[in-house]
C-alpha cells in the first residue's frame, strides 16, 4: 500500500466507505405477506439505502462536509436513488462505476414492526479491493473522520489502511453488522484501530457472547476506546473511560425502522466532529435515528439543522433519562 502524506488541510469532515443500494420499500401492509399470496399496499417508496447512504446523508444534512466511496453499476445515472445522492451534495469522486454490473438492489417489506428484505448485490463482493486504489486512499486521507459502513472481511486488506489513517491523525469508526464467518480474534484485529463501533443490541451480544447489552458494552470497551450500542426504541448507550452514558430515543411512532441505525451513526458522528460531549453525541444519534424511523426508508425523515436544533433543545429541557 502506498504511503499517503499527512494532509495539511482536510477537505471533508467525514468520508463514508461502504455499500450503496437502491431500496424498493413496501410498507403499511394490510396483512402479513405469505408465500403463494399477494398483498397490496398503497405505500411504496424508492430511496437510497444501505449504511453508506443513510449515514452520509444524515451527517451532510446537519452541516458536515461529507464524501462517500462506493461502487455503482452502469445503470446508476438513470436511477433516482443515485441522483438523490448527487442532489444531496455528497462528494462521489473516487467511487467506482462497473459497466458490466448492476447497482445493488434491496426489496424491503415492512409489516407492523417487522420487516423482511431481499437483496441482489454481486457488485459489492470484495468491496475492499477498492482500498488498492490510490484515488480512494487519497480521499480517505483528506477526511477528519472515516466511517466504514460494510462488513469487515479479509482483515489483511483492512488493517494497513486503518492503521495508516490513525497514524495520520484521522479517527475511524465502523458499523459492520455481524458476520459469523469472521472470528472475534479477526474482528478485534481490525476494530482496534477504530475510535467507535456501532453495533445494535443483538449484534453486540452475538459478537461478545454476552447475555445482555450492558455486559456486551463492557466487553467491547476492551476492543475500542468508545463502543456504542444501539437499543432501538430504547435509545442508545456508550462507554468511555469506564463511564456509562445513556440517552433515550424520541417518543415518535415508528413507520419503518429500515436504516434507523445508520441514521444514528451519521447524527452521532456529526455531533462528535463538531465538539459535542458524549451525551450530546448520543442525543444527536437518537434524534436522527428516531426521525428516520418515523418515515419509510432510511433517509426520508432525516432532519436539517433547524429541526435537529428543535429536538435537541427539547431533549435537553426534558432531562429525561431511561
Protein backbone atom coordinates (compact mmCIF):
# COMPACT_ATOMS: atom_id res chain seq x y z
CA UNK A 1 0.00 0.00 0.00
CA UNK A 2 1.41 3.42 -0.90
CA UNK A 3 2.33 5.77 1.92
CA UNK A 4 -0.09 8.69 1.98
CA UNK A 5 1.29 12.04 3.07
CA UNK A 6 -0.38 13.76 6.02
CA UNK A 7 -2.90 16.26 4.64
CA UNK A 8 -2.32 19.85 5.72
CA UNK A 9 -5.98 20.76 5.16
CA UNK A 10 -8.83 18.27 5.50
CA UNK A 11 -11.30 18.63 2.62
CA UNK A 12 -14.00 16.59 4.39
CA UNK A 13 -15.35 16.36 7.89
CA UNK A 14 -16.45 12.82 7.10
CA UNK A 15 -15.84 10.22 4.40
CA UNK A 16 -18.03 7.09 4.45
CA UNK A 17 -16.78 3.89 2.80
CA UNK A 18 -19.35 1.19 2.14
CA UNK A 19 -22.11 -0.37 0.09
CA UNK A 20 -24.76 1.57 -1.83
CA UNK A 21 -28.22 0.14 -2.52
CA UNK A 22 -31.35 1.21 -4.31
CA UNK A 23 -34.14 0.35 -1.88
CA UNK A 24 -37.66 -0.54 -3.01
CA UNK A 25 -39.79 -0.32 0.14
CA UNK A 26 -43.34 -1.59 0.62
CA UNK A 27 -44.83 -0.52 3.95
CA UNK A 28 -48.09 -0.24 5.92
CA UNK A 29 -49.26 -3.58 4.56
CA UNK A 30 -52.80 -4.59 5.49
CA UNK A 31 -51.84 -8.23 6.07
CA UNK A 32 -48.68 -10.16 6.75
CA UNK A 33 -47.27 -11.45 3.42
CA UNK A 34 -47.05 -15.22 2.93
CA UNK A 35 -45.66 -17.36 0.13
CA UNK A 36 -48.29 -18.06 -2.52
CA UNK A 37 -50.33 -14.95 -1.67
CA UNK A 38 -50.44 -11.38 -2.97
CA UNK A 39 -50.61 -8.49 -0.53
CA UNK A 40 -51.36 -4.99 -1.77
CA UNK A 41 -50.44 -1.65 -0.30
CA UNK A 42 -50.79 1.99 -1.31
CA UNK A 43 -47.49 2.80 0.40
CA UNK A 44 -44.35 2.40 -1.69
CA UNK A 45 -41.04 4.22 -1.90
CA UNK A 46 -37.81 4.04 -3.90
CA UNK A 47 -34.92 5.55 -1.93
CA UNK A 48 -31.15 5.35 -1.41
CA UNK A 49 -30.34 2.57 1.03
CA UNK A 50 -27.57 0.93 2.97
CA UNK A 51 -25.41 2.22 5.76
CA UNK A 52 -23.26 4.33 3.48
CA UNK A 53 -26.09 6.42 2.01
CA UNK A 54 -28.10 6.91 5.19
CA UNK A 55 -25.18 7.77 7.46
CA UNK A 56 -23.67 10.13 4.89
CA UNK A 57 -26.96 11.94 4.20
CA UNK A 58 -27.68 12.29 7.93
CA UNK A 59 -24.33 13.97 8.59
CA UNK A 60 -24.45 16.08 5.45
CA UNK A 61 -27.92 17.48 6.14
CA UNK A 62 -26.74 18.62 9.57
CA UNK A 63 -23.83 20.50 8.01
CA UNK A 64 -20.86 18.12 7.90
CA UNK A 65 -18.87 18.21 4.66
CA UNK A 66 -19.26 14.61 3.55
CA UNK A 67 -17.88 12.34 0.83
CA UNK A 68 -18.60 8.72 0.01
CA UNK A 69 -16.62 5.85 -1.51
CA UNK A 70 -18.67 3.05 -3.07
CA UNK A 71 -19.44 1.08 -6.23
CA UNK A 72 -22.39 1.51 -8.58
CA UNK A 73 -23.31 -0.06 -11.88
CA UNK A 74 -23.66 1.36 -15.37
CA UNK A 75 -27.35 1.94 -14.60
CA UNK A 76 -26.56 4.47 -11.83
CA UNK A 77 -27.06 7.58 -13.97
CA UNK A 78 -30.67 6.52 -14.63
CA UNK A 79 -31.50 5.65 -11.01
CA UNK A 80 -33.45 8.18 -8.93
CA UNK A 81 -31.63 6.85 -5.88
CA UNK A 82 -28.15 7.71 -7.16
CA UNK A 83 -29.38 11.07 -8.43
CA UNK A 84 -30.68 11.76 -4.92
CA UNK A 85 -27.16 11.15 -3.61
CA UNK A 86 -25.85 13.70 -6.10
CA UNK A 87 -28.59 16.18 -5.20
CA UNK A 88 -27.67 15.88 -1.51
CA UNK A 89 -24.28 17.35 -2.38
CA UNK A 90 -22.25 14.32 -1.33
CA UNK A 91 -18.82 14.12 -2.94
CA UNK A 92 -18.66 10.99 -5.14
CA UNK A 93 -15.12 11.32 -6.51
CA UNK A 94 -13.19 8.02 -6.29
CA UNK A 95 -16.42 6.00 -6.49
CA UNK A 96 -16.24 3.11 -8.99
CA UNK A 97 -18.68 2.58 -11.85
CA UNK A 98 -18.67 -1.04 -13.05
CA UNK A 99 -20.01 -1.15 -16.59
CA UNK A 100 -20.75 -4.87 -16.56
CA UNK A 101 -22.80 -5.00 -13.35
CA UNK A 102 -26.00 -3.54 -11.92
CA UNK A 103 -26.21 -1.30 -8.88
CA UNK A 104 -27.14 -3.24 -5.75
CA UNK A 105 -30.88 -3.53 -5.11
CA UNK A 106 -32.88 -4.38 -1.97
CA UNK A 107 -36.62 -5.01 -1.76
CA UNK A 108 -37.91 -4.32 1.75
CA UNK A 109 -41.35 -5.31 3.01
CA UNK A 110 -42.40 -3.78 6.32
CA UNK A 111 -45.39 -5.15 8.23
CA UNK A 112 -46.15 -3.52 11.59
CA UNK A 113 -42.83 -3.50 13.50
CA UNK A 114 -41.26 -6.30 11.43
CA UNK A 115 -39.59 -6.28 8.05
CA UNK A 116 -38.08 -8.67 5.54
CA UNK A 117 -35.57 -7.86 2.83
CA UNK A 118 -34.29 -9.50 -0.35
CA UNK A 119 -31.03 -8.16 -1.80
CA UNK A 120 -29.14 -8.55 -5.08
CA UNK A 121 -25.60 -7.20 -4.73
CA UNK A 122 -22.87 -9.08 -6.64
CA UNK A 123 -21.34 -5.65 -7.23
CA UNK A 124 -20.46 -5.40 -3.53
CA UNK A 125 -18.40 -8.58 -3.44
CA UNK A 126 -14.81 -7.82 -2.49
CA UNK A 127 -15.57 -4.14 -1.99
CA UNK A 128 -12.33 -3.98 0.00
CA UNK A 129 -10.45 -4.28 -3.32
CA UNK A 130 -11.16 -0.56 -3.68
CA UNK A 131 -8.63 0.01 -0.90
CA UNK A 132 -5.91 -0.63 -3.51
CA UNK A 133 -6.94 2.47 -5.44
CA UNK A 134 -4.68 5.48 -4.97
CA UNK A 135 -7.65 7.81 -5.55
CA UNK A 136 -9.64 6.08 -2.81
CA UNK A 137 -6.75 6.22 -0.32
CA UNK A 138 -6.13 9.88 -1.06
CA UNK A 139 -9.79 10.67 -0.46
CA UNK A 140 -9.84 8.79 2.85
CA UNK A 141 -6.78 10.74 3.97
CA UNK A 142 -8.47 14.06 3.20
CA UNK A 143 -11.10 13.40 5.89
CA UNK A 144 -11.12 14.28 9.57
CA UNK A 145 -13.01 11.06 10.21
CA UNK A 146 -13.58 7.88 8.16
CA UNK A 147 -16.65 5.72 8.78
CA UNK A 148 -16.78 2.16 7.41
CA UNK A 149 -20.34 1.05 6.63
CA UNK A 150 -19.95 -2.50 5.39
CA UNK A 151 -19.00 -5.98 6.52
CA UNK A 152 -15.34 -6.26 7.51
CA UNK A 153 -13.94 -9.20 5.59
CA UNK A 154 -10.31 -10.01 4.76
CA UNK A 155 -8.53 -8.35 7.72
CA UNK A 156 -5.23 -8.24 5.82
CA UNK A 157 -6.80 -5.72 3.41
CA UNK A 158 -8.24 -3.51 6.14
CA UNK A 159 -5.55 -3.40 8.81
CA UNK A 160 -2.81 -1.47 6.90
CA UNK A 161 -5.32 1.14 5.72
CA UNK A 162 -6.91 1.73 9.12
CA UNK A 163 -3.50 1.78 10.81
CA UNK A 164 -2.22 4.43 8.42
CA UNK A 165 -5.33 6.55 8.91
CA UNK A 166 -4.79 6.51 12.66
CA UNK A 167 -1.12 7.36 12.23
CA UNK A 168 -2.13 10.39 10.16
CA UNK A 169 -4.44 11.67 12.90
CA UNK A 170 -7.72 10.56 11.30
CA UNK A 171 -10.29 8.96 13.58
CA UNK A 172 -12.13 5.87 12.36
CA UNK A 173 -15.47 4.19 13.13
CA UNK A 174 -17.28 1.13 11.80
CA UNK A 175 -20.79 -0.27 11.59
CA UNK A 176 -20.14 -3.76 10.27
CA UNK A 177 -23.14 -5.82 11.36
CA UNK A 178 -22.42 -9.38 12.43
CA UNK A 179 -20.50 -11.81 10.26
CA UNK A 180 -20.32 -15.30 11.83
CA UNK A 181 -17.58 -16.26 9.34
CA UNK A 182 -15.24 -13.74 10.99
CA UNK A 183 -13.86 -14.88 14.35
CA UNK A 184 -13.78 -12.48 17.32
CA UNK A 185 -9.98 -12.52 17.07
CA UNK A 186 -10.08 -11.47 13.41
CA UNK A 187 -12.68 -8.79 14.15
CA UNK A 188 -10.63 -7.44 17.04
CA UNK A 189 -7.56 -7.22 14.79
CA UNK A 190 -9.49 -4.72 12.66
CA UNK A 191 -11.65 -2.73 15.09
CA UNK A 192 -8.79 -2.00 17.50
CA UNK A 193 -7.97 0.84 15.09
CA UNK A 194 -11.46 2.33 15.50
CA UNK A 195 -12.49 5.16 17.76
CA UNK A 196 -16.11 3.94 17.72
CA UNK A 197 -18.09 0.89 16.68
CA UNK A 198 -21.89 0.96 16.39
CA UNK A 199 -23.47 -2.49 16.84
CA UNK A 200 -27.12 -2.82 17.75
CA UNK A 201 -28.07 -4.80 20.84
CA UNK A 202 -28.42 -8.12 19.00
CA UNK A 203 -25.10 -7.69 17.20
CA UNK A 204 -23.26 -6.65 20.36
CA UNK A 205 -24.40 -9.78 22.20
CA UNK A 206 -23.56 -12.02 19.24
CA UNK A 207 -20.07 -10.53 18.88
CA UNK A 208 -19.16 -10.77 22.55
CA UNK A 209 -21.21 -13.76 23.71
CA UNK A 210 -22.66 -11.59 26.48
CA UNK A 211 -26.13 -12.22 27.85
CA UNK A 212 -27.26 -8.59 27.84
CA UNK A 213 -26.42 -5.29 26.16
CA UNK A 214 -24.63 -3.72 29.14
CA UNK A 215 -22.28 -6.66 29.59
CA UNK A 216 -21.62 -6.61 25.84
CA UNK A 217 -20.78 -2.91 26.03
CA UNK A 218 -18.35 -3.53 28.89
CA UNK A 219 -16.61 -6.26 26.89
CA UNK A 220 -16.43 -4.08 23.78
CA UNK A 221 -14.54 -1.38 25.66
CA UNK A 222 -11.61 -3.78 25.71
CA UNK A 223 -11.73 -3.58 21.90
CA UNK A 224 -12.27 0.12 21.11
CA UNK A 225 -11.96 3.36 23.03
CA UNK A 226 -15.66 4.25 22.85
CA UNK A 227 -18.07 1.41 21.98
CA UNK A 228 -21.66 2.40 21.25
CA UNK A 229 -24.63 0.03 21.46
CA UNK A 230 -27.92 0.99 19.79
CA UNK A 231 -31.07 -0.09 21.62
CA UNK A 232 -33.78 0.75 19.07
CA UNK A 233 -36.83 2.37 20.68
CA UNK A 234 -34.91 2.47 23.99
CA UNK A 235 -32.26 4.80 22.61
CA UNK A 236 -28.52 4.09 22.83
CA UNK A 237 -25.63 3.88 25.25
CA UNK A 238 -21.86 4.11 25.17
CA UNK A 239 -18.94 3.63 27.50
CA UNK A 240 -15.97 6.00 27.65
CA UNK A 241 -13.12 5.70 30.16
CA UNK A 242 -15.19 3.22 32.14
CA UNK A 243 -18.19 5.57 32.48
CA UNK A 244 -21.61 4.65 31.12
CA UNK A 245 -23.63 7.20 29.14
CA UNK A 246 -27.23 6.51 28.06
CA UNK A 247 -29.83 8.60 26.25
CA UNK A 248 -33.42 7.80 25.19
CA UNK A 249 -34.88 7.83 21.71
CA UNK A 250 -37.51 10.38 20.72
CA UNK A 251 -41.10 9.37 21.61
CA UNK A 252 -42.14 9.04 17.96
CA UNK A 253 -44.27 6.39 16.27
CA UNK A 254 -42.24 4.03 14.09
CA UNK A 255 -43.29 3.68 10.46
CA UNK A 256 -40.25 1.84 9.09
CA UNK A 257 -37.08 1.16 11.08
CA UNK A 258 -35.03 0.35 7.96
CA UNK A 259 -31.83 2.39 8.15
CA UNK A 260 -32.56 3.98 11.53
CA UNK A 261 -29.32 2.62 12.98
CA UNK A 262 -27.32 4.07 10.10
CA UNK A 263 -29.07 7.42 10.59
CA UNK A 264 -27.97 7.24 14.22
CA UNK A 265 -24.36 6.79 13.08
CA UNK A 266 -24.49 9.89 10.89
CA UNK A 267 -26.01 12.07 13.60
CA UNK A 268 -23.58 10.83 16.24
CA UNK A 269 -20.55 11.44 14.02
CA UNK A 270 -21.73 14.92 13.06
CA UNK A 271 -22.01 15.85 16.73
CA UNK A 272 -18.62 14.31 17.53
CA UNK A 273 -16.94 16.21 14.69
CA UNK A 274 -18.44 19.46 15.92
CA UNK A 275 -17.32 19.20 19.53
CA UNK A 276 -20.28 17.65 21.38
CA UNK A 277 -19.75 15.73 24.60
CA UNK A 278 -20.68 12.04 24.78
CA UNK A 279 -24.25 12.69 25.92
CA UNK A 280 -24.64 15.19 23.11
CA UNK A 281 -23.36 12.67 20.57
CA UNK A 282 -25.91 10.11 21.78
CA UNK A 283 -28.70 12.70 21.63
CA UNK A 284 -27.76 13.62 18.07
CA UNK A 285 -27.71 9.97 17.04
CA UNK A 286 -31.06 9.27 18.68
CA UNK A 287 -32.67 12.29 17.03
CA UNK A 288 -31.57 11.17 13.57
CA UNK A 289 -32.41 7.53 14.22
CA UNK A 290 -35.85 8.28 15.61
CA UNK A 291 -36.80 10.69 12.84
CA UNK A 292 -35.53 8.23 10.25
CA UNK A 293 -37.81 5.53 11.67
CA UNK A 294 -40.79 7.91 11.60
CA UNK A 295 -40.79 7.79 7.78
CA UNK A 296 -40.35 4.99 5.24
CA UNK A 297 -36.78 4.46 4.06
CA UNK A 298 -33.66 5.39 5.95
CA UNK A 299 -33.19 8.93 4.65
CA UNK A 300 -36.69 10.33 4.17
CA UNK A 301 -37.18 11.55 7.74
CA UNK A 302 -33.67 12.84 8.37
CA UNK A 303 -33.63 16.36 9.85
CA UNK A 304 -32.00 19.53 8.67
CA UNK A 305 -30.31 21.89 11.15
CA UNK A 306 -33.50 23.69 12.26
CA UNK A 307 -35.46 20.52 13.08
CA UNK A 308 -32.40 18.99 14.69
CA UNK A 309 -31.88 22.01 16.98
CA UNK A 310 -35.56 21.94 17.96
CA UNK A 311 -35.43 18.31 19.09
CA UNK A 312 -32.04 18.76 20.75
CA UNK A 313 -33.38 21.69 22.80
CA UNK A 314 -36.47 19.69 23.75
CA UNK A 315 -34.35 16.73 24.88
CA UNK A 316 -32.10 18.93 26.98
CA UNK A 317 -35.11 20.68 28.52
CA UNK A 318 -36.87 17.46 29.41
CA UNK A 319 -33.89 15.95 31.19
CA UNK A 320 -35.44 12.52 30.63
CA UNK A 321 -33.27 9.50 31.36
CA UNK A 322 -34.07 5.85 30.98
